[in-house]
Amino acid sequence: MPGYAELQDILGYCFSNPRLMDEATLAQDAPSTAPPKTHGNKSLALVGDALIRLDVAGRSYAGGIGTAESTILLSEIGSNRSLEAHGRRLGLDKFVIKHPGQQGQDVPRETLASTVEALIGAVWIDSGQDFNQVQSVIGNLGIGNPKHEEEANT
């Protein structure tokens, strides 16, 4: 598996606590050397999902986009399909620690989408809940960028 320096370069964020990267890249039910409370990246993914939604909703509001269109944007940008596409485009799949049943296979869509969300959640925690840092990482991943969203949803 590639080193975390490469992952941090992709994110444009340097972690103070590398254990958060371990947790963020750990697929559910994958073997872990992390503390017992860690059973994959689902908890961090939940945080990351909320942050993506906040970012999109905030930009929609600032841009004067109505609620109907904002709702559509939220569902498209935050979809597993879109997040998986961003993850594959950036090569994030090579960082995923898969569970035994996934070994030798491509990282499944939901697993990679959860990893993208979990990485964003990890940045939130590691940065002391600095939303500007989170928005920077979201931008570096191309999430919400019209060019990359069009590619992700085709």
N, C-alpha and C. Protein backbone atom coordinates (compact mmCIF):
# COMPACT_ATOMS: atom_id res chain seq x y z
N MET A 1 0.85 -1.18 0.00
CA MET A 1 0.00 0.00 0.00
C MET A 1 0.89 1.24 0.00
N PRO A 2 0.53 2.25 -0.79
CA PRO A 2 1.31 3.48 -0.85
C PRO A 2 1.35 4.18 0.51
N GLY A 3 2.34 5.03 0.68
CA GLY A 3 2.49 5.76 1.94
C GLY A 3 1.48 6.88 2.09
N TYR A 4 1.33 7.29 3.33
CA TYR A 4 0.37 8.34 3.62
C TYR A 4 0.82 9.71 3.14
N ALA A 5 2.12 9.89 2.85
CA ALA A 5 2.58 11.17 2.31
C ALA A 5 1.86 11.45 1.00
N GLU A 6 1.72 10.43 0.17
CA GLU A 6 1.02 10.59 -1.11
C GLU A 6 -0.45 10.93 -0.89
N LEU A 7 -1.08 10.27 0.06
CA LEU A 7 -2.48 10.55 0.37
C LEU A 7 -2.64 12.00 0.84
N GLN A 8 -1.75 12.44 1.71
CA GLN A 8 -1.82 13.81 2.20
C GLN A 8 -1.60 14.81 1.06
N ASP A 9 -0.74 14.47 0.10
CA ASP A 9 -0.54 15.34 -1.07
C ASP A 9 -1.82 15.46 -1.88
N ILE A 10 -2.52 14.35 -2.07
CA ILE A 10 -3.78 14.36 -2.82
C ILE A 10 -4.80 15.23 -2.10
N LEU A 11 -4.89 15.07 -0.80
CA LEU A 11 -5.86 15.83 -0.02
C LEU A 11 -5.46 17.30 0.12
N GLY A 12 -4.17 17.57 0.07
CA GLY A 12 -3.69 18.92 0.33
C GLY A 12 -3.80 19.27 1.80
N TYR A 13 -3.63 18.25 2.64
CA TYR A 13 -3.76 18.43 4.09
C TYR A 13 -2.77 17.49 4.78
N CYS A 14 -2.05 18.00 5.76
CA CYS A 14 -1.10 17.20 6.53
C CYS A 14 -1.69 16.89 7.90
N PHE A 15 -1.88 15.62 8.18
CA PHE A 15 -2.49 15.19 9.44
C PHE A 15 -1.52 15.29 10.61
N SER A 16 -2.03 15.77 11.73
CA SER A 16 -1.28 15.75 12.98
C SER A 16 -1.39 14.38 13.63
N ASN A 17 -2.55 13.74 13.46
CA ASN A 17 -2.82 12.44 14.05
C ASN A 17 -2.98 11.40 12.94
N PRO A 18 -1.92 10.66 12.61
CA PRO A 18 -2.00 9.68 11.52
C PRO A 18 -3.00 8.54 11.77
N ARG A 19 -3.38 8.32 13.03
CA ARG A 19 -4.37 7.26 13.31
C ARG A 19 -5.70 7.58 12.65
N LEU A 20 -5.99 8.86 12.46
CA LEU A 20 -7.23 9.23 11.78
C LEU A 20 -7.19 8.81 10.31
N MET A 21 -6.01 8.85 9.69
CA MET A 21 -5.88 8.34 8.32
C MET A 21 -6.08 6.84 8.30
N ASP A 22 -5.53 6.16 9.31
CA ASP A 22 -5.72 4.70 9.41
C ASP A 22 -7.21 4.38 9.48
N GLU A 23 -7.91 5.08 10.35
CA GLU A 23 -9.34 4.82 10.52
C GLU A 23 -10.12 5.17 9.26
N ALA A 24 -9.77 6.29 8.62
CA ALA A 24 -10.51 6.74 7.44
C ALA A 24 -10.35 5.80 6.25
N THR A 25 -9.24 5.10 6.18
CA THR A 25 -8.99 4.21 5.04
C THR A 25 -9.33 2.75 5.34
N LEU A 26 -9.88 2.50 6.50
CA LEU A 26 -10.20 1.13 6.93
C LEU A 26 -11.64 0.77 6.56
N ALA A 27 -11.78 -0.14 5.61
CA ALA A 27 -13.12 -0.59 5.22
C ALA A 27 -13.78 -1.30 6.40
N GLN A 28 -15.10 -1.26 6.41
CA GLN A 28 -15.83 -1.94 7.47
C GLN A 28 -15.45 -3.42 7.48
N ASP A 29 -15.20 -3.96 8.66
CA ASP A 29 -14.85 -5.36 8.89
C ASP A 29 -13.44 -5.74 8.42
N ALA A 30 -12.63 -4.75 8.04
CA ALA A 30 -11.24 -5.04 7.70
C ALA A 30 -10.45 -5.25 8.98
N PRO A 31 -9.40 -6.07 8.93
CA PRO A 31 -8.58 -6.27 10.12
C PRO A 31 -7.93 -4.95 10.54
N SER A 32 -7.91 -4.70 11.84
CA SER A 32 -7.42 -3.42 12.33
C SER A 32 -6.47 -3.61 13.51
N THR A 33 -5.46 -2.75 13.55
CA THR A 33 -4.59 -2.69 14.72
C THR A 33 -4.96 -1.48 15.57
N ALA A 34 -6.00 -0.77 15.13
CA ALA A 34 -6.47 0.42 15.84
C ALA A 34 -7.20 0.01 17.11
N PRO A 35 -7.52 0.98 17.97
CA PRO A 35 -8.25 0.67 19.20
C PRO A 35 -9.55 -0.10 18.90
N PRO A 36 -10.05 -0.87 19.87
CA PRO A 36 -11.24 -1.69 19.68
C PRO A 36 -12.47 -0.92 19.20
N LYS A 37 -12.58 0.38 19.51
CA LYS A 37 -13.77 1.12 19.09
C LYS A 37 -13.83 1.33 17.57
N THR A 38 -12.71 1.08 16.88
CA THR A 38 -12.65 1.30 15.45
C THR A 38 -13.04 0.02 14.71
N HIS A 39 -14.16 0.06 14.04
CA HIS A 39 -14.62 -1.08 13.24
C HIS A 39 -14.79 -0.64 11.80
N GLY A 40 -13.85 0.11 11.30
CA GLY A 40 -13.95 0.63 9.96
C GLY A 40 -14.17 2.13 9.99
N ASN A 41 -14.41 2.66 8.80
CA ASN A 41 -14.47 4.11 8.65
C ASN A 41 -15.89 4.69 8.68
N LYS A 42 -16.88 3.90 9.02
CA LYS A 42 -18.27 4.36 8.93
C LYS A 42 -18.58 5.56 9.82
N SER A 43 -18.02 5.64 11.01
CA SER A 43 -18.30 6.78 11.89
C SER A 43 -17.73 8.07 11.30
N LEU A 44 -16.49 7.99 10.81
CA LEU A 44 -15.90 9.17 10.16
C LEU A 44 -16.64 9.51 8.87
N ALA A 45 -17.11 8.49 8.15
CA ALA A 45 -17.85 8.73 6.91
C ALA A 45 -19.15 9.49 7.18
N LEU A 46 -19.79 9.19 8.28
CA LEU A 46 -21.01 9.90 8.66
C LEU A 46 -20.72 11.39 8.87
N VAL A 47 -19.62 11.69 9.52
CA VAL A 47 -19.21 13.08 9.73
C VAL A 47 -18.89 13.73 8.38
N GLY A 48 -18.12 13.03 7.55
CA GLY A 48 -17.76 13.57 6.23
C GLY A 48 -18.96 13.83 5.35
N ASP A 49 -19.94 12.94 5.39
CA ASP A 49 -21.16 13.12 4.61
C ASP A 49 -21.86 14.42 5.02
N ALA A 50 -21.96 14.65 6.31
CA ALA A 50 -22.60 15.88 6.81
C ALA A 50 -21.83 17.11 6.37
N LEU A 51 -20.51 17.03 6.36
CA LEU A 51 -19.68 18.17 5.96
C LEU A 51 -19.81 18.46 4.47
N ILE A 52 -19.89 17.43 3.65
CA ILE A 52 -20.10 17.63 2.21
C ILE A 52 -21.43 18.31 1.99
N ARG A 53 -22.46 17.83 2.67
CA ARG A 53 -23.79 18.42 2.54
C ARG A 53 -23.79 19.89 2.98
N LEU A 54 -23.11 20.19 4.08
CA LEU A 54 -23.02 21.57 4.56
C LEU A 54 -22.31 22.45 3.54
N ASP A 55 -21.23 21.96 2.98
CA ASP A 55 -20.48 22.72 1.99
C ASP A 55 -21.34 23.02 0.76
N VAL A 56 -22.00 22.00 0.24
CA VAL A 56 -22.84 22.19 -0.95
C VAL A 56 -24.02 23.11 -0.64
N ALA A 57 -24.67 22.90 0.50
CA ALA A 57 -25.81 23.74 0.87
C ALA A 57 -25.38 25.20 1.06
N GLY A 58 -24.25 25.40 1.70
CA GLY A 58 -23.75 26.76 1.91
C GLY A 58 -23.41 27.46 0.61
N ARG A 59 -22.75 26.74 -0.30
CA ARG A 59 -22.43 27.34 -1.60
C ARG A 59 -23.68 27.58 -2.42
N SER A 60 -24.66 26.70 -2.30
CA SER A 60 -25.93 26.89 -3.01
C SER A 60 -26.63 28.14 -2.51
N TYR A 61 -26.68 28.29 -1.21
CA TYR A 61 -27.32 29.47 -0.62
C TYR A 61 -26.60 30.75 -1.07
N ALA A 62 -25.27 30.74 -0.96
CA ALA A 62 -24.47 31.92 -1.33
C ALA A 62 -24.64 32.25 -2.82
N GLY A 63 -24.85 31.22 -3.63
CA GLY A 63 -25.02 31.42 -5.07
C GLY A 63 -26.45 31.72 -5.48
N GLY A 64 -27.35 31.81 -4.51
CA GLY A 64 -28.74 32.13 -4.82
C GLY A 64 -29.50 30.99 -5.49
N ILE A 65 -29.04 29.78 -5.30
CA ILE A 65 -29.71 28.62 -5.90
C ILE A 65 -30.90 28.25 -5.03
N GLY A 66 -32.03 28.00 -5.65
CA GLY A 66 -33.25 27.66 -4.92
C GLY A 66 -33.18 26.31 -4.25
N THR A 67 -34.14 26.06 -3.37
CA THR A 67 -34.11 24.82 -2.59
C THR A 67 -34.29 23.57 -3.44
N ALA A 68 -35.12 23.64 -4.47
CA ALA A 68 -35.33 22.46 -5.30
C ALA A 68 -34.03 22.07 -6.01
N GLU A 69 -33.38 23.05 -6.61
CA GLU A 69 -32.12 22.76 -7.31
C GLU A 69 -31.02 22.36 -6.32
N SER A 70 -31.01 23.00 -5.15
CA SER A 70 -30.03 22.64 -4.12
C SER A 70 -30.19 21.20 -3.68
N THR A 71 -31.42 20.76 -3.53
CA THR A 71 -31.69 19.38 -3.12
C THR A 71 -31.16 18.41 -4.16
N ILE A 72 -31.37 18.74 -5.43
CA ILE A 72 -30.86 17.89 -6.51
C ILE A 72 -29.33 17.86 -6.48
N LEU A 73 -28.72 19.04 -6.33
CA LEU A 73 -27.26 19.11 -6.25
C LEU A 73 -26.72 18.27 -5.09
N LEU A 74 -27.36 18.39 -3.94
CA LEU A 74 -26.94 17.62 -2.77
C LEU A 74 -26.98 16.12 -3.04
N SER A 75 -28.05 15.67 -3.68
CA SER A 75 -28.17 14.23 -3.92
C SER A 75 -27.18 13.75 -4.98
N GLU A 76 -26.88 14.60 -5.96
CA GLU A 76 -25.92 14.20 -7.00
C GLU A 76 -24.48 14.24 -6.48
N ILE A 77 -24.11 15.36 -5.88
CA ILE A 77 -22.73 15.55 -5.43
C ILE A 77 -22.36 14.59 -4.31
N GLY A 78 -23.30 14.32 -3.42
CA GLY A 78 -23.03 13.43 -2.29
C GLY A 78 -23.34 11.97 -2.55
N SER A 79 -23.68 11.63 -3.79
CA SER A 79 -24.04 10.24 -4.08
C SER A 79 -22.81 9.33 -4.04
N ASN A 80 -23.04 8.06 -3.74
CA ASN A 80 -21.95 7.09 -3.76
C ASN A 80 -21.30 7.04 -5.13
N ARG A 81 -22.10 7.16 -6.17
CA ARG A 81 -21.58 7.11 -7.54
C ARG A 81 -20.58 8.25 -7.77
N SER A 82 -20.98 9.45 -7.38
CA SER A 82 -20.12 10.62 -7.57
C SER A 82 -18.86 10.53 -6.71
N LEU A 83 -19.02 10.20 -5.44
CA LEU A 83 -17.87 10.13 -4.54
C LEU A 83 -16.91 9.01 -4.95
N GLU A 84 -17.46 7.89 -5.40
CA GLU A 84 -16.61 6.81 -5.89
C GLU A 84 -15.80 7.28 -7.09
N ALA A 85 -16.45 8.00 -8.02
CA ALA A 85 -15.76 8.48 -9.22
C ALA A 85 -14.61 9.41 -8.85
N HIS A 86 -14.84 10.29 -7.89
CA HIS A 86 -13.75 11.18 -7.43
C HIS A 86 -12.62 10.35 -6.83
N GLY A 87 -12.97 9.38 -6.00
CA GLY A 87 -11.96 8.53 -5.38
C GLY A 87 -11.12 7.78 -6.39
N ARG A 88 -11.76 7.22 -7.42
CA ARG A 88 -11.02 6.48 -8.45
C ARG A 88 -10.16 7.41 -9.29
N ARG A 89 -10.72 8.57 -9.65
CA ARG A 89 -9.99 9.53 -10.48
C ARG A 89 -8.69 9.95 -9.79
N LEU A 90 -8.74 10.07 -8.48
CA LEU A 90 -7.57 10.51 -7.71
C LEU A 90 -6.70 9.36 -7.21
N GLY A 91 -7.12 8.13 -7.45
CA GLY A 91 -6.35 6.97 -7.01
C GLY A 91 -6.46 6.67 -5.53
N LEU A 92 -7.54 7.12 -4.90
CA LEU A 92 -7.71 6.88 -3.46
C LEU A 92 -7.98 5.41 -3.14
N ASP A 93 -8.44 4.66 -4.13
CA ASP A 93 -8.74 3.24 -3.90
C ASP A 93 -7.50 2.46 -3.46
N LYS A 94 -6.32 2.89 -3.86
CA LYS A 94 -5.11 2.15 -3.47
C LYS A 94 -4.77 2.31 -1.99
N PHE A 95 -5.42 3.25 -1.31
CA PHE A 95 -5.17 3.46 0.12
C PHE A 95 -6.15 2.69 1.01
N VAL A 96 -7.20 2.14 0.42
CA VAL A 96 -8.24 1.47 1.21
C VAL A 96 -7.73 0.14 1.75
N ILE A 97 -7.90 -0.05 3.04
CA ILE A 97 -7.57 -1.32 3.69
C ILE A 97 -8.85 -2.15 3.64
N LYS A 98 -8.86 -3.16 2.77
CA LYS A 98 -10.08 -3.92 2.51
C LYS A 98 -10.29 -5.04 3.53
N HIS A 99 -11.54 -5.44 3.67
CA HIS A 99 -11.81 -6.60 4.51
C HIS A 99 -11.47 -7.86 3.71
N PRO A 100 -11.28 -8.99 4.38
CA PRO A 100 -10.79 -10.19 3.71
C PRO A 100 -11.61 -10.61 2.48
N GLY A 101 -12.90 -10.41 2.50
CA GLY A 101 -13.74 -10.80 1.36
C GLY A 101 -13.54 -9.93 0.13
N GLN A 102 -12.86 -8.79 0.28
CA GLN A 102 -12.63 -7.88 -0.84
C GLN A 102 -11.23 -8.03 -1.44
N GLN A 103 -10.38 -8.82 -0.81
CA GLN A 103 -9.00 -8.96 -1.28
C GLN A 103 -8.99 -9.49 -2.71
N GLY A 104 -8.13 -8.90 -3.54
CA GLY A 104 -8.01 -9.32 -4.94
C GLY A 104 -9.08 -8.75 -5.84
N GLN A 105 -9.95 -7.91 -5.31
CA GLN A 105 -11.02 -7.29 -6.10
C GLN A 105 -10.85 -5.78 -6.07
N ASP A 106 -11.51 -5.11 -7.03
CA ASP A 106 -11.57 -3.66 -6.98
C ASP A 106 -12.33 -3.25 -5.72
N VAL A 107 -12.00 -2.09 -5.20
CA VAL A 107 -12.72 -1.57 -4.04
C VAL A 107 -14.15 -1.29 -4.48
N PRO A 108 -15.15 -1.85 -3.79
CA PRO A 108 -16.54 -1.62 -4.16
C PRO A 108 -16.93 -0.14 -4.05
N ARG A 109 -17.93 0.24 -4.83
CA ARG A 109 -18.41 1.62 -4.88
C ARG A 109 -18.68 2.19 -3.49
N GLU A 110 -19.50 1.50 -2.71
CA GLU A 110 -19.89 2.04 -1.40
C GLU A 110 -18.68 2.18 -0.47
N THR A 111 -17.76 1.23 -0.55
CA THR A 111 -16.57 1.28 0.29
C THR A 111 -15.71 2.49 -0.06
N LEU A 112 -15.51 2.74 -1.36
CA LEU A 112 -14.69 3.87 -1.77
C LEU A 112 -15.38 5.19 -1.47
N ALA A 113 -16.69 5.26 -1.70
CA ALA A 113 -17.44 6.48 -1.37
C ALA A 113 -17.35 6.77 0.13
N SER A 114 -17.48 5.73 0.94
CA SER A 114 -17.36 5.90 2.40
C SER A 114 -15.96 6.36 2.78
N THR A 115 -14.95 5.88 2.08
CA THR A 115 -13.58 6.29 2.36
C THR A 115 -13.38 7.77 2.05
N VAL A 116 -13.93 8.24 0.93
CA VAL A 116 -13.84 9.66 0.60
C VAL A 116 -14.50 10.49 1.70
N GLU A 117 -15.69 10.09 2.10
CA GLU A 117 -16.39 10.80 3.18
C GLU A 117 -15.59 10.75 4.48
N ALA A 118 -15.04 9.58 4.78
CA ALA A 118 -14.29 9.40 6.03
C ALA A 118 -13.03 10.26 6.05
N LEU A 119 -12.37 10.40 4.92
CA LEU A 119 -11.19 11.26 4.86
C LEU A 119 -11.55 12.71 5.16
N ILE A 120 -12.69 13.15 4.66
CA ILE A 120 -13.16 14.51 4.94
C ILE A 120 -13.50 14.64 6.42
N GLY A 121 -14.16 13.63 6.97
CA GLY A 121 -14.45 13.63 8.40
C GLY A 121 -13.19 13.63 9.24
N ALA A 122 -12.17 12.91 8.79
CA ALA A 122 -10.90 12.86 9.51
C ALA A 122 -10.21 14.23 9.52
N VAL A 123 -10.29 14.93 8.40
CA VAL A 123 -9.72 16.29 8.34
C VAL A 123 -10.43 17.20 9.34
N TRP A 124 -11.76 17.08 9.42
CA TRP A 124 -12.55 17.88 10.37
C TRP A 124 -12.05 17.65 11.80
N ILE A 125 -11.90 16.39 12.17
CA ILE A 125 -11.48 16.06 13.53
C ILE A 125 -10.03 16.52 13.76
N ASP A 126 -9.15 16.17 12.82
CA ASP A 126 -7.73 16.47 12.98
C ASP A 126 -7.45 17.97 13.02
N SER A 127 -8.23 18.74 12.28
CA SER A 127 -8.00 20.20 12.19
C SER A 127 -8.63 20.97 13.34
N GLY A 128 -9.23 20.26 14.28
CA GLY A 128 -9.92 20.95 15.37
C GLY A 128 -11.22 21.57 14.90
N GLN A 129 -11.87 20.89 13.96
CA GLN A 129 -13.16 21.30 13.40
C GLN A 129 -13.07 22.62 12.64
N ASP A 130 -12.02 22.74 11.84
CA ASP A 130 -11.79 23.92 11.01
C ASP A 130 -12.47 23.70 9.65
N PHE A 131 -13.63 24.35 9.48
CA PHE A 131 -14.39 24.13 8.25
C PHE A 131 -13.66 24.67 7.02
N ASN A 132 -12.82 25.69 7.19
CA ASN A 132 -12.04 26.19 6.06
C ASN A 132 -11.09 25.11 5.54
N GLN A 133 -10.48 24.36 6.45
CA GLN A 133 -9.61 23.24 6.04
C GLN A 133 -10.42 22.18 5.30
N VAL A 134 -11.60 21.89 5.82
CA VAL A 134 -12.47 20.90 5.19
C VAL A 134 -12.85 21.35 3.79
N GLN A 135 -13.24 22.60 3.64
CA GLN A 135 -13.62 23.12 2.33
C GLN A 135 -12.45 23.06 1.35
N SER A 136 -11.26 23.31 1.84
CA SER A 136 -10.08 23.23 0.99
C SER A 136 -9.88 21.80 0.48
N VAL A 137 -10.03 20.82 1.37
CA VAL A 137 -9.88 19.42 0.97
C VAL A 137 -11.00 19.01 0.00
N ILE A 138 -12.22 19.42 0.28
CA ILE A 138 -13.34 19.13 -0.62
C ILE A 138 -13.02 19.68 -2.01
N GLY A 139 -12.49 20.89 -2.07
CA GLY A 139 -12.09 21.48 -3.35
C GLY A 139 -10.96 20.71 -4.01
N ASN A 140 -9.96 20.30 -3.23
CA ASN A 140 -8.84 19.54 -3.78
C ASN A 140 -9.30 18.20 -4.36
N LEU A 141 -10.34 17.63 -3.78
CA LEU A 141 -10.88 16.36 -4.29
C LEU A 141 -11.77 16.57 -5.51
N GLY A 142 -12.11 17.82 -5.80
CA GLY A 142 -12.96 18.12 -6.95
C GLY A 142 -14.44 17.95 -6.67
N ILE A 143 -14.81 17.75 -5.42
CA ILE A 143 -16.21 17.55 -5.06
C ILE A 143 -16.93 18.89 -5.19
N GLY A 144 -17.97 18.90 -6.01
CA GLY A 144 -18.73 20.13 -6.24
C GLY A 144 -18.19 20.95 -7.39
N ASN A 145 -17.04 20.58 -7.94
CA ASN A 145 -16.49 21.26 -9.10
C ASN A 145 -17.28 20.80 -10.33
N PRO A 146 -17.94 21.74 -11.04
CA PRO A 146 -18.80 21.34 -12.15
C PRO A 146 -18.11 20.43 -13.17
N LYS A 147 -16.84 20.69 -13.49
CA LYS A 147 -16.12 19.85 -14.46
C LYS A 147 -16.02 18.41 -13.96
N HIS A 148 -15.60 18.25 -12.71
CA HIS A 148 -15.43 16.90 -12.16
C HIS A 148 -16.77 16.23 -11.87
N GLU A 149 -17.77 17.00 -11.48
CA GLU A 149 -19.09 16.41 -11.23
C GLU A 149 -19.69 15.87 -12.52
N GLU A 150 -19.49 16.60 -13.61
CA GLU A 150 -20.02 16.12 -14.90
C GLU A 150 -19.36 14.79 -15.27
N GLU A 151 -18.05 14.71 -15.07
CA GLU A 151 -17.33 13.45 -15.33
C GLU A 151 -17.82 12.34 -14.41
N ALA A 152 -18.05 12.67 -13.14
CA ALA A 152 -18.46 11.68 -12.15
C ALA A 152 -19.85 11.13 -12.42
N ASN A 153 -20.70 11.94 -13.02
CA ASN A 153 -22.09 11.53 -13.21
C ASN A 153 -22.41 11.10 -14.63
N THR A 154 -21.35 10.79 -15.42
CA THR A 154 -21.60 10.28 -16.78
C THR A 154 -21.25 8.82 -16.86
